[in-house]
Amino acid sequence: MSKEILSDINMLKKYHHNLVYDYTEYPTKANWDYEAGDKEYRDALKDWIPRSSKKPVLFYVHTPFCEQLCYFCLCSKAITKDYGKVKDYLENYLFK
């Protein structure tokens, strides 16, 4: 085997790990209930907010539109420069 191939193999062995990072969802998918809907979400917030009123809250809303593809996140996304699609999403889905 050539030294170049051996070097590549050794590099793969050194840095390759079977890790799964699903950090884009919280709670993670293992905690999701696909039967839950709007009512369950509202009830969960009504239960949680009074118990957490003194704690800071980070609320992340993912807008699934990017101008170019990157390999940083695992979020669902649509690559587009058509801001009409973004506007439609915000007005007709997210804000409702």
PDB file of N, CA and C in Angstrom:
ATOM      1  N   MET A   1       0.835  -1.172   0.000  1.00  0.00           N
ATOM      2  CA  MET A   1       0.000   0.000   0.000  1.00  0.00           C
ATOM      3  C   MET A   1       0.883   1.240   0.000  1.00  0.00           C
ATOM      4  N   SER A   2       0.447   2.264  -0.680  1.00  0.00           N
ATOM      5  CA  SER A   2       1.257   3.477  -0.729  1.00  0.00           C
ATOM      6  C   SER A   2       1.195   4.215   0.605  1.00  0.00           C
ATOM      7  N   LYS A   3       2.207   5.029   0.853  1.00  0.00           N
ATOM      8  CA  LYS A   3       2.255   5.804   2.094  1.00  0.00           C
ATOM      9  C   LYS A   3       1.075   6.779   2.178  1.00  0.00           C
ATOM     10  N   GLU A   4       0.666   7.309   1.030  1.00  0.00           N
ATOM     11  CA  GLU A   4      -0.445   8.257   1.007  1.00  0.00           C
ATOM     12  C   GLU A   4      -1.744   7.586   1.458  1.00  0.00           C
ATOM     13  N   ILE A   5      -2.005   6.386   0.969  1.00  0.00           N
ATOM     14  CA  ILE A   5      -3.216   5.659   1.357  1.00  0.00           C
ATOM     15  C   ILE A   5      -3.151   5.293   2.834  1.00  0.00           C
ATOM     16  N   LEU A   6      -2.011   4.820   3.305  1.00  0.00           N
ATOM     17  CA  LEU A   6      -1.867   4.497   4.720  1.00  0.00           C
ATOM     18  C   LEU A   6      -2.082   5.728   5.591  1.00  0.00           C
ATOM     19  N   SER A   7      -1.579   6.852   5.154  1.00  0.00           N
ATOM     20  CA  SER A   7      -1.759   8.097   5.895  1.00  0.00           C
ATOM     21  C   SER A   7      -3.235   8.441   5.983  1.00  0.00           C
ATOM     22  N   ASP A   8      -3.952   8.295   4.869  1.00  0.00           N
ATOM     23  CA  ASP A   8      -5.394   8.577   4.862  1.00  0.00           C
ATOM     24  C   ASP A   8      -6.139   7.623   5.790  1.00  0.00           C
ATOM     25  N   ILE A   9      -5.776   6.366   5.764  1.00  0.00           N
ATOM     26  CA  ILE A   9      -6.425   5.371   6.618  1.00  0.00           C
ATOM     27  C   ILE A   9      -6.167   5.685   8.085  1.00  0.00           C
ATOM     28  N   ASN A  10      -4.936   6.011   8.413  1.00  0.00           N
ATOM     29  CA  ASN A  10      -4.605   6.336   9.797  1.00  0.00           C
ATOM     30  C   ASN A  10      -5.316   7.611  10.252  1.00  0.00           C
ATOM     31  N   MET A  11      -5.462   8.567   9.359  1.00  0.00           N
ATOM     32  CA  MET A  11      -6.184   9.799   9.679  1.00  0.00           C
ATOM     33  C   MET A  11      -7.650   9.478   9.968  1.00  0.00           C
ATOM     34  N   LEU A  12      -8.259   8.625   9.141  1.00  0.00           N
ATOM     35  CA  LEU A  12      -9.646   8.236   9.371  1.00  0.00           C
ATOM     36  C   LEU A  12      -9.807   7.525  10.718  1.00  0.00           C
ATOM     37  N   LYS A  13      -8.896   6.621  11.023  1.00  0.00           N
ATOM     38  CA  LYS A  13      -8.960   5.902  12.297  1.00  0.00           C
ATOM     39  C   LYS A  13      -8.839   6.871  13.469  1.00  0.00           C
ATOM     40  N   LYS A  14      -7.995   7.865  13.314  1.00  0.00           N
ATOM     41  CA  LYS A  14      -7.752   8.812  14.394  1.00  0.00           C
ATOM     42  C   LYS A  14      -8.975   9.688  14.671  1.00  0.00           C
ATOM     43  N   TYR A  15      -9.631  10.166  13.624  1.00  0.00           N
ATOM     44  CA  TYR A  15     -10.678  11.165  13.803  1.00  0.00           C
ATOM     45  C   TYR A  15     -12.107  10.663  13.636  1.00  0.00           C
ATOM     46  N   HIS A  16     -12.287   9.477  13.106  1.00  0.00           N
ATOM     47  CA  HIS A  16     -13.643   8.983  12.887  1.00  0.00           C
ATOM     48  C   HIS A  16     -14.209   8.412  14.179  1.00  0.00           C
ATOM     49  N   HIS A  17     -15.392   8.881  14.545  1.00  0.00           N
ATOM     50  CA  HIS A  17     -16.115   8.355  15.701  1.00  0.00           C
ATOM     51  C   HIS A  17     -17.570   8.224  15.300  1.00  0.00           C
ATOM     52  N   ASN A  18     -18.201   7.183  15.765  1.00  0.00           N
ATOM     53  CA  ASN A  18     -19.623   6.997  15.482  1.00  0.00           C
ATOM     54  C   ASN A  18     -20.439   7.784  16.501  1.00  0.00           C
ATOM     55  N   LEU A  19     -20.517   9.063  16.287  1.00  0.00           N
ATOM     56  CA  LEU A  19     -21.261   9.941  17.185  1.00  0.00           C
ATOM     57  C   LEU A  19     -22.461  10.490  16.448  1.00  0.00           C
ATOM     58  N   VAL A  20     -23.543  10.649  17.163  1.00  0.00           N
ATOM     59  CA  VAL A  20     -24.737  11.247  16.579  1.00  0.00           C
ATOM     60  C   VAL A  20     -25.093  12.462  17.411  1.00  0.00           C
ATOM     61  N   TYR A  21     -25.057  13.603  16.782  1.00  0.00           N
ATOM     62  CA  TYR A  21     -25.459  14.827  17.452  1.00  0.00           C
ATOM     63  C   TYR A  21     -26.752  15.295  16.820  1.00  0.00           C
ATOM     64  N   ASP A  22     -27.795  15.265  17.576  1.00  0.00           N
ATOM     65  CA  ASP A  22     -29.087  15.738  17.111  1.00  0.00           C
ATOM     66  C   ASP A  22     -29.443  16.968  17.920  1.00  0.00           C
ATOM     67  N   TYR A  23     -28.531  17.918  17.927  1.00  0.00           N
ATOM     68  CA  TYR A  23     -28.687  19.077  18.781  1.00  0.00           C
ATOM     69  C   TYR A  23     -29.655  20.100  18.213  1.00  0.00           C
ATOM     70  N   THR A  24     -30.230  19.832  17.069  1.00  0.00           N
ATOM     71  CA  THR A  24     -31.112  20.820  16.456  1.00  0.00           C
ATOM     72  C   THR A  24     -32.527  20.762  17.012  1.00  0.00           C
ATOM     73  N   GLU A  25     -32.846  19.746  17.785  1.00  0.00           N
ATOM     74  CA  GLU A  25     -34.172  19.674  18.373  1.00  0.00           C
ATOM     75  C   GLU A  25     -34.054  19.617  19.887  1.00  0.00           C
ATOM     76  N   TYR A  26     -34.897  20.365  20.557  1.00  0.00           N
ATOM     77  CA  TYR A  26     -35.011  20.222  21.987  1.00  0.00           C
ATOM     78  C   TYR A  26     -36.456  20.445  22.361  1.00  0.00           C
ATOM     79  N   PRO A  27     -37.094  19.542  23.045  1.00  0.00           N
ATOM     80  CA  PRO A  27     -36.506  18.282  23.457  1.00  0.00           C
ATOM     81  C   PRO A  27     -36.188  17.401  22.260  1.00  0.00           C
ATOM     82  N   THR A  28     -35.310  16.470  22.469  1.00  0.00           N
ATOM     83  CA  THR A  28     -34.880  15.618  21.368  1.00  0.00           C
ATOM     84  C   THR A  28     -36.024  14.725  20.889  1.00  0.00           C
ATOM     85  N   LYS A  29     -35.850  14.142  19.727  1.00  0.00           N
ATOM     86  CA  LYS A  29     -36.921  13.365  19.098  1.00  0.00           C
ATOM     87  C   LYS A  29     -37.451  12.241  19.979  1.00  0.00           C
ATOM     88  N   ALA A  30     -36.599  11.723  20.860  1.00  0.00           N
ATOM     89  CA  ALA A  30     -37.050  10.643  21.734  1.00  0.00           C
ATOM     90  C   ALA A  30     -38.183  11.098  22.649  1.00  0.00           C
ATOM     91  N   ASN A  31     -38.307  12.402  22.858  1.00  0.00           N
ATOM     92  CA  ASN A  31     -39.350  12.945  23.732  1.00  0.00           C
ATOM     93  C   ASN A  31     -40.551  13.488  22.979  1.00  0.00           C
ATOM     94  N   TRP A  32     -40.544  13.422  21.674  1.00  0.00           N
ATOM     95  CA  TRP A  32     -41.640  13.979  20.894  1.00  0.00           C
ATOM     96  C   TRP A  32     -42.833  13.044  20.912  1.00  0.00           C
ATOM     97  N   ASP A  33     -43.986  13.628  20.842  1.00  0.00           N
ATOM     98  CA  ASP A  33     -45.225  12.880  20.699  1.00  0.00           C
ATOM     99  C   ASP A  33     -45.927  13.451  19.471  1.00  0.00           C
ATOM    100  N   TYR A  34     -45.963  12.704  18.413  1.00  0.00           N
ATOM    101  CA  TYR A  34     -46.516  13.211  17.158  1.00  0.00           C
ATOM    102  C   TYR A  34     -48.024  13.405  17.215  1.00  0.00           C
ATOM    103  N   GLU A  35     -48.661  12.915  18.263  1.00  0.00           N
ATOM    104  CA  GLU A  35     -50.090  13.123  18.431  1.00  0.00           C
ATOM    105  C   GLU A  35     -50.374  14.475  19.088  1.00  0.00           C
ATOM    106  N   ALA A  36     -49.357  15.088  19.704  1.00  0.00           N
ATOM    107  CA  ALA A  36     -49.544  16.366  20.384  1.00  0.00           C
ATOM    108  C   ALA A  36     -49.839  17.447  19.352  1.00  0.00           C
ATOM    109  N   GLY A  37     -50.742  18.310  19.721  1.00  0.00           N
ATOM    110  CA  GLY A  37     -51.117  19.392  18.813  1.00  0.00           C
ATOM    111  C   GLY A  37     -51.089  20.725  19.518  1.00  0.00           C
ATOM    112  N   ASP A  38     -51.807  21.665  18.958  1.00  0.00           N
ATOM    113  CA  ASP A  38     -51.848  23.026  19.469  1.00  0.00           C
ATOM    114  C   ASP A  38     -52.315  23.079  20.923  1.00  0.00           C
ATOM    115  N   LYS A  39     -53.366  22.340  21.266  1.00  0.00           N
ATOM    116  CA  LYS A  39     -53.901  22.369  22.629  1.00  0.00           C
ATOM    117  C   LYS A  39     -52.867  21.857  23.627  1.00  0.00           C
ATOM    118  N   GLU A  40     -52.214  20.756  23.316  1.00  0.00           N
ATOM    119  CA  GLU A  40     -51.213  20.197  24.225  1.00  0.00           C
ATOM    120  C   GLU A  40     -50.036  21.151  24.406  1.00  0.00           C
ATOM    121  N   TYR A  41     -49.648  21.822  23.336  1.00  0.00           N
ATOM    122  CA  TYR A  41     -48.551  22.784  23.408  1.00  0.00           C
ATOM    123  C   TYR A  41     -48.935  23.961  24.311  1.00  0.00           C
ATOM    124  N   ARG A  42     -50.125  24.487  24.109  1.00  0.00           N
ATOM    125  CA  ARG A  42     -50.597  25.610  24.947  1.00  0.00           C
ATOM    126  C   ARG A  42     -50.697  25.187  26.417  1.00  0.00           C
ATOM    127  N   ASP A  43     -51.225  24.000  26.670  1.00  0.00           N
ATOM    128  CA  ASP A  43     -51.337  23.507  28.047  1.00  0.00           C
ATOM    129  C   ASP A  43     -49.963  23.346  28.692  1.00  0.00           C
ATOM    130  N   ALA A  44     -49.005  22.862  27.942  1.00  0.00           N
ATOM    131  CA  ALA A  44     -47.645  22.700  28.471  1.00  0.00           C
ATOM    132  C   ALA A  44     -47.045  24.055  28.827  1.00  0.00           C
ATOM    133  N   LEU A  45     -47.265  25.057  27.973  1.00  0.00           N
ATOM    134  CA  LEU A  45     -46.768  26.406  28.278  1.00  0.00           C
ATOM    135  C   LEU A  45     -47.460  26.989  29.505  1.00  0.00           C
ATOM    136  N   LYS A  46     -48.773  26.796  29.607  1.00  0.00           N
ATOM    137  CA  LYS A  46     -49.516  27.312  30.763  1.00  0.00           C
ATOM    138  C   LYS A  46     -49.025  26.664  32.060  1.00  0.00           C
ATOM    139  N   ASP A  47     -48.621  25.426  31.974  1.00  0.00           N
ATOM    140  CA  ASP A  47     -48.097  24.729  33.142  1.00  0.00           C
ATOM    141  C   ASP A  47     -46.663  25.172  33.457  1.00  0.00           C
ATOM    142  N   TRP A  48     -45.861  25.345  32.453  1.00  0.00           N
ATOM    143  CA  TRP A  48     -44.425  25.622  32.634  1.00  0.00           C
ATOM    144  C   TRP A  48     -44.128  27.070  33.009  1.00  0.00           C
ATOM    145  N   ILE A  49     -44.778  28.027  32.374  1.00  0.00           N
ATOM    146  CA  ILE A  49     -44.446  29.449  32.561  1.00  0.00           C
ATOM    147  C   ILE A  49     -44.574  29.897  34.026  1.00  0.00           C
ATOM    148  N   PRO A  50     -45.667  29.597  34.736  1.00  0.00           N
ATOM    149  CA  PRO A  50     -45.741  30.052  36.132  1.00  0.00           C
ATOM    150  C   PRO A  50     -44.639  29.458  37.022  1.00  0.00           C
ATOM    151  N   ARG A  51     -44.236  28.234  36.750  1.00  0.00           N
ATOM    152  CA  ARG A  51     -43.195  27.604  37.561  1.00  0.00           C
ATOM    153  C   ARG A  51     -41.805  28.128  37.206  1.00  0.00           C
ATOM    154  N   SER A  52     -41.671  28.813  36.085  1.00  0.00           N
ATOM    155  CA  SER A  52     -40.367  29.262  35.606  1.00  0.00           C
ATOM    156  C   SER A  52     -40.302  30.769  35.418  1.00  0.00           C
ATOM    157  N   SER A  53     -41.158  31.503  36.074  1.00  0.00           N
ATOM    158  CA  SER A  53     -41.259  32.941  35.812  1.00  0.00           C
ATOM    159  C   SER A  53     -39.991  33.714  36.158  1.00  0.00           C
ATOM    160  N   LYS A  54     -39.160  33.192  37.031  1.00  0.00           N
ATOM    161  CA  LYS A  54     -37.938  33.899  37.417  1.00  0.00           C
ATOM    162  C   LYS A  54     -36.715  33.440  36.603  1.00  0.00           C
ATOM    163  N   LYS A  55     -36.902  32.475  35.735  1.00  0.00           N
ATOM    164  CA  LYS A  55     -35.794  31.939  34.944  1.00  0.00           C
ATOM    165  C   LYS A  55     -35.771  32.593  33.565  1.00  0.00           C
ATOM    166  N   PRO A  56     -34.574  32.887  33.061  1.00  0.00           N
ATOM    167  CA  PRO A  56     -34.514  33.421  31.691  1.00  0.00           C
ATOM    168  C   PRO A  56     -34.944  32.352  30.688  1.00  0.00           C
ATOM    169  N   VAL A  57     -35.497  32.786  29.582  1.00  0.00           N
ATOM    170  CA  VAL A  57     -35.991  31.867  28.570  1.00  0.00           C
ATOM    171  C   VAL A  57     -35.332  32.182  27.236  1.00  0.00           C
ATOM    172  N   LEU A  58     -34.865  31.170  26.572  1.00  0.00           N
ATOM    173  CA  LEU A  58     -34.364  31.303  25.207  1.00  0.00           C
ATOM    174  C   LEU A  58     -35.375  30.601  24.316  1.00  0.00           C
ATOM    175  N   PHE A  59     -35.955  31.341  23.412  1.00  0.00           N
ATOM    176  CA  PHE A  59     -36.949  30.785  22.512  1.00  0.00           C
ATOM    177  C   PHE A  59     -36.392  30.888  21.105  1.00  0.00           C
ATOM    178  N   TYR A  60     -36.107  29.765  20.496  1.00  0.00           N
ATOM    179  CA  TYR A  60     -35.514  29.730  19.165  1.00  0.00           C
ATOM    180  C   TYR A  60     -36.586  29.371  18.148  1.00  0.00           C
ATOM    181  N   VAL A  61     -36.663  30.146  17.101  1.00  0.00           N
ATOM    182  CA  VAL A  61     -37.575  29.852  16.000  1.00  0.00           C
ATOM    183  C   VAL A  61     -36.717  29.671  14.759  1.00  0.00           C
ATOM    184  N   HIS A  62     -36.811  28.514  14.169  1.00  0.00           N
ATOM    185  CA  HIS A  62     -36.022  28.222  12.976  1.00  0.00           C
ATOM    186  C   HIS A  62     -36.790  28.652  11.733  1.00  0.00           C
ATOM    187  N   THR A  63     -36.176  29.499  10.956  1.00  0.00           N
ATOM    188  CA  THR A  63     -36.718  29.869   9.656  1.00  0.00           C
ATOM    189  C   THR A  63     -35.934  29.067   8.627  1.00  0.00           C
ATOM    190  N   PRO A  64     -36.573  28.130   7.975  1.00  0.00           N
ATOM    191  CA  PRO A  64     -35.841  27.139   7.182  1.00  0.00           C
ATOM    192  C   PRO A  64     -35.407  27.589   5.785  1.00  0.00           C
ATOM    193  N   PHE A  65     -34.939  28.805   5.673  1.00  0.00           N
ATOM    194  CA  PHE A  65     -34.501  29.300   4.372  1.00  0.00           C
ATOM    195  C   PHE A  65     -33.078  29.835   4.490  1.00  0.00           C
ATOM    196  N   CYS A  66     -32.217  29.388   3.603  1.00  0.00           N
ATOM    197  CA  CYS A  66     -30.826  29.835   3.569  1.00  0.00           C
ATOM    198  C   CYS A  66     -30.502  30.252   2.132  1.00  0.00           C
ATOM    199  N   GLU A  67     -29.634  31.229   2.007  1.00  0.00           N
ATOM    200  CA  GLU A  67     -29.231  31.658   0.662  1.00  0.00           C
ATOM    201  C   GLU A  67     -28.242  30.690   0.031  1.00  0.00           C
ATOM    202  N   GLN A  68     -27.483  30.001   0.873  1.00  0.00           N
ATOM    203  CA  GLN A  68     -26.544  29.016   0.327  1.00  0.00           C
ATOM    204  C   GLN A  68     -26.447  27.841   1.287  1.00  0.00           C
ATOM    205  N   LEU A  69     -26.070  26.707   0.762  1.00  0.00           N
ATOM    206  CA  LEU A  69     -25.960  25.493   1.552  1.00  0.00           C
ATOM    207  C   LEU A  69     -24.711  25.541   2.417  1.00  0.00           C
ATOM    208  N   CYS A  70     -24.876  25.249   3.680  1.00  0.00           N
ATOM    209  CA  CYS A  70     -23.714  25.085   4.555  1.00  0.00           C
ATOM    210  C   CYS A  70     -23.832  23.703   5.186  1.00  0.00           C
ATOM    211  N   TYR A  71     -22.791  23.260   5.778  1.00  0.00           N
ATOM    212  CA  TYR A  71     -22.797  21.932   6.383  1.00  0.00           C
ATOM    213  C   TYR A  71     -22.701  22.025   7.899  1.00  0.00           C
ATOM    214  N   PHE A  72     -23.071  23.174   8.451  1.00  0.00           N
ATOM    215  CA  PHE A  72     -22.983  23.378   9.882  1.00  0.00           C
ATOM    216  C   PHE A  72     -24.159  22.749  10.625  1.00  0.00           C
ATOM    217  N   CYS A  73     -25.360  23.022  10.163  1.00  0.00           N
ATOM    218  CA  CYS A  73     -26.517  22.571  10.936  1.00  0.00           C
ATOM    219  C   CYS A  73     -27.191  21.374  10.281  1.00  0.00           C
ATOM    220  N   LEU A  74     -27.998  20.719  11.092  1.00  0.00           N
ATOM    221  CA  LEU A  74     -28.752  19.561  10.616  1.00  0.00           C
ATOM    222  C   LEU A  74     -30.222  19.899  10.410  1.00  0.00           C
ATOM    223  N   CYS A  75     -30.542  21.184  10.503  1.00  0.00           N
ATOM    224  CA  CYS A  75     -31.937  21.603  10.383  1.00  0.00           C
ATOM    225  C   CYS A  75     -32.448  21.379   8.970  1.00  0.00           C
ATOM    226  N   SER A  76     -33.756  21.193   8.885  1.00  0.00           N
ATOM    227  CA  SER A  76     -34.338  21.155   7.547  1.00  0.00           C
ATOM    228  C   SER A  76     -34.232  22.560   6.970  1.00  0.00           C
ATOM    229  N   LYS A  77     -33.968  22.633   5.691  1.00  0.00           N
ATOM    230  CA  LYS A  77     -33.769  23.946   5.082  1.00  0.00           C
ATOM    231  C   LYS A  77     -34.086  23.894   3.604  1.00  0.00           C
ATOM    232  N   ALA A  78     -34.388  25.054   3.080  1.00  0.00           N
ATOM    233  CA  ALA A  78     -34.600  25.229   1.648  1.00  0.00           C
ATOM    234  C   ALA A  78     -33.619  26.297   1.193  1.00  0.00           C
ATOM    235  N   ILE A  79     -32.835  25.982   0.200  1.00  0.00           N
ATOM    236  CA  ILE A  79     -31.871  26.932  -0.331  1.00  0.00           C
ATOM    237  C   ILE A  79     -32.579  27.785  -1.370  1.00  0.00           C
ATOM    238  N   THR A  80     -32.659  29.083  -1.094  1.00  0.00           N
ATOM    239  CA  THR A  80     -33.360  29.977  -2.013  1.00  0.00           C
ATOM    240  C   THR A  80     -32.938  31.418  -1.776  1.00  0.00           C
ATOM    241  N   LYS A  81     -33.029  32.200  -2.807  1.00  0.00           N
ATOM    242  CA  LYS A  81     -32.866  33.646  -2.690  1.00  0.00           C
ATOM    243  C   LYS A  81     -34.192  34.337  -3.000  1.00  0.00           C
ATOM    244  N   ASP A  82     -35.244  33.533  -3.084  1.00  0.00           N
ATOM    245  CA  ASP A  82     -36.587  34.030  -3.350  1.00  0.00           C
ATOM    246  C   ASP A  82     -37.225  34.411  -2.015  1.00  0.00           C
ATOM    247  N   TYR A  83     -37.156  35.687  -1.682  1.00  0.00           N
ATOM    248  CA  TYR A  83     -37.667  36.128  -0.392  1.00  0.00           C
ATOM    249  C   TYR A  83     -39.188  36.103  -0.332  1.00  0.00           C
ATOM    250  N   GLY A  84     -39.849  35.918  -1.462  1.00  0.00           N
ATOM    251  CA  GLY A  84     -41.293  35.723  -1.470  1.00  0.00           C
ATOM    252  C   GLY A  84     -41.667  34.449  -0.715  1.00  0.00           C
ATOM    253  N   LYS A  85     -40.854  33.398  -0.868  1.00  0.00           N
ATOM    254  CA  LYS A  85     -41.095  32.151  -0.141  1.00  0.00           C
ATOM    255  C   LYS A  85     -40.947  32.370   1.361  1.00  0.00           C
ATOM    256  N   VAL A  86     -39.946  33.140   1.737  1.00  0.00           N
ATOM    257  CA  VAL A  86     -39.712  33.431   3.157  1.00  0.00           C
ATOM    258  C   VAL A  86     -40.879  34.228   3.719  1.00  0.00           C
ATOM    259  N   LYS A  87     -41.297  35.241   2.997  1.00  0.00           N
ATOM    260  CA  LYS A  87     -42.423  36.077   3.427  1.00  0.00           C
ATOM    261  C   LYS A  87     -43.688  35.242   3.574  1.00  0.00           C
ATOM    262  N   ASP A  88     -43.963  34.368   2.604  1.00  0.00           N
ATOM    263  CA  ASP A  88     -45.130  33.493   2.661  1.00  0.00           C
ATOM    264  C   ASP A  88     -45.065  32.605   3.901  1.00  0.00           C
ATOM    265  N   TYR A  89     -43.898  32.029   4.154  1.00  0.00           N
ATOM    266  CA  TYR A  89     -43.722  31.164   5.328  1.00  0.00           C
ATOM    267  C   TYR A  89     -43.998  31.938   6.620  1.00  0.00           C
ATOM    268  N   LEU A  90     -43.404  33.111   6.741  1.00  0.00           N
ATOM    269  CA  LEU A  90     -43.573  33.900   7.961  1.00  0.00           C
ATOM    270  C   LEU A  90     -45.023  34.335   8.159  1.00  0.00           C
ATOM    271  N   GLU A  91     -45.638  34.852   7.111  1.00  0.00           N
ATOM    272  CA  GLU A  91     -46.996  35.386   7.236  1.00  0.00           C
ATOM    273  C   GLU A  91     -48.064  34.306   7.342  1.00  0.00           C
ATOM    274  N   ASN A  92     -47.918  33.225   6.597  1.00  0.00           N
ATOM    275  CA  ASN A  92     -48.999  32.238   6.511  1.00  0.00           C
ATOM    276  C   ASN A  92     -48.807  31.001   7.369  1.00  0.00           C
ATOM    277  N   TYR A  93     -47.629  30.840   7.954  1.00  0.00           N
ATOM    278  CA  TYR A  93     -47.399  29.652   8.789  1.00  0.00           C
ATOM    279  C   TYR A  93     -46.908  30.027  10.174  1.00  0.00           C
ATOM    280  N   LEU A  94     -45.776  30.651  10.238  1.00  0.00           N
ATOM    281  CA  LEU A  94     -45.146  30.914  11.533  1.00  0.00           C
ATOM    282  C   LEU A  94     -45.966  31.847  12.411  1.00  0.00           C
ATOM    283  N   PHE A  95     -46.416  32.960  11.870  1.00  0.00           N
ATOM    284  CA  PHE A  95     -47.129  33.945  12.688  1.00  0.00           C
ATOM    285  C   PHE A  95     -48.517  33.483  13.116  1.00  0.00           C
ATOM    286  N   LYS A  96     -49.062  32.477  12.446  1.00  0.00           N
ATOM    287  CA  LYS A  96     -50.366  31.946  12.855  1.00  0.00           C
ATOM    288  C   LYS A  96     -50.202  31.125  14.112  1.00  0.00           C
TER     289      LYS A  96
END
